[in-house]
Amino acid sequence: MSDAARRPGLDLMRVLAVAAVAWFHFGFRMQATGEAGPLVTGDPGIFARYGYLGVSVFFAISGYVISISTEGRDPFGFAVARVARLWPTFILCMSLTALVTLAVPGFAFSVTLPQYLANLTMLPPFLGQPYVDGAYWSIVAEILFYAWVGLLMTVRLWARFQVQVALVWLAIAALDQALIGSDLLRRLFLTDFAGFFAFGMMLRARERGAAGASVVLVAAFVQAIAGAAVFAEGLERLYEGERFSQPLIAVAVAVALVALALATRPSRVGLPAGLVAIAGRATYPFYLLHQHIGYAAFLLLMPLLGFAGTAFILLAGVALVAFAVTLVVETPAARLVRRLGEGVRARTLALVRRPA
């Protein structure tokens, strides 16, 4: 990642976002659904239910960082960079989750061979298979965002018309949520989260001095709040009997986006940049590992250690594994993928230039 994107405040936002998601899964969802067994089924936390908004914050961060990632790259280079960043770590963490799922007796989840093989692509729903871990749905949303960015780069609309692209995207999201209500549009254009992605995009566009970026930034801010409200209505249907406060959601989204805007500025605070940067990178494997492995840990350890003891052991253990993956696996694996990508590019160019 470029120096422009690797800012301590941004990495701190990642850490807070992934902590919020873990709080949601263990403090609310696990309690409401009983997925970790009857011993941890109880009264869901009043505020833990809003931790899912951490995923939306990740989408806003992605809008900003991906905008930077495209600068100075062609579509192929962008695609290789994204695969190098996501795929090797995903394969390792998904495989660890599958092994834990299979090893724990009486667990509410299972993994089949076709399911595992489909998850190797990172796009199992397109192959008719469920995720190995339910948290992976947001990875598919990210990949869809990357696909749109890559397509716009290919047709040469991304660099010159990013502000206009964001404005059209926000208009589609607003129309779909207010009038159309199309499930196809919601999935294809990520209308629930368009405001978050566009907000991050416009933060970078404003840094570059793009005309109209500040106006579209405000529109994205409003749409992010509206999209979060619509998404919360779906959660109320999913978790029957559980209520989500719309005013509280609006305030939480507004505060998070303002904090993100501040975090993208060069830090003047004495944060340990190196350590915070590693922690920011480690949020990706932590996110991939925490949910189903966490449920398994509560199922096994809750009778022995209670909720607090299990939570401490679990979070510390997953954090240690996430740091290990980041420090030991991620960089060499990403370097290998980039080298393979460069080889593919070189061979392709050689074939194209070969005389007939």
Foldseek 3Di string as FASTA:
>chain_A
DDPLLQALLLLVLLLQLLVLVLLLQQQAVCQLPVQLHPVNNDDHDPPSVLSPCSLLLVLLSLLQVLLVLPPPDALLLSVLLVCLLPQVLLLVQLVVLQVLQVVFPPGPDHDDPVQNVLCSVLDNVVVVHDHSDPLSVSVVVSVLVSVVLSVCSVVVCCPPPVLVVLVVLLVLLVCCVPPNVDPVCCVNSVSLNSLSSLLSNLLNCVVVVHPPSVVSNVSSLVSNLVSQVVVQVVVCVVSPPDHDDSVVSNVVSNVSSVSNSVSSDHDPDPDPSVVSSLSSSLSSSLSSNQNSSLSSLCSPCCVPQNDVRSVVVRSVVSSVVSSCCSVPPSVVSSVVSVVVSVVVVVVVVCVVPDDD
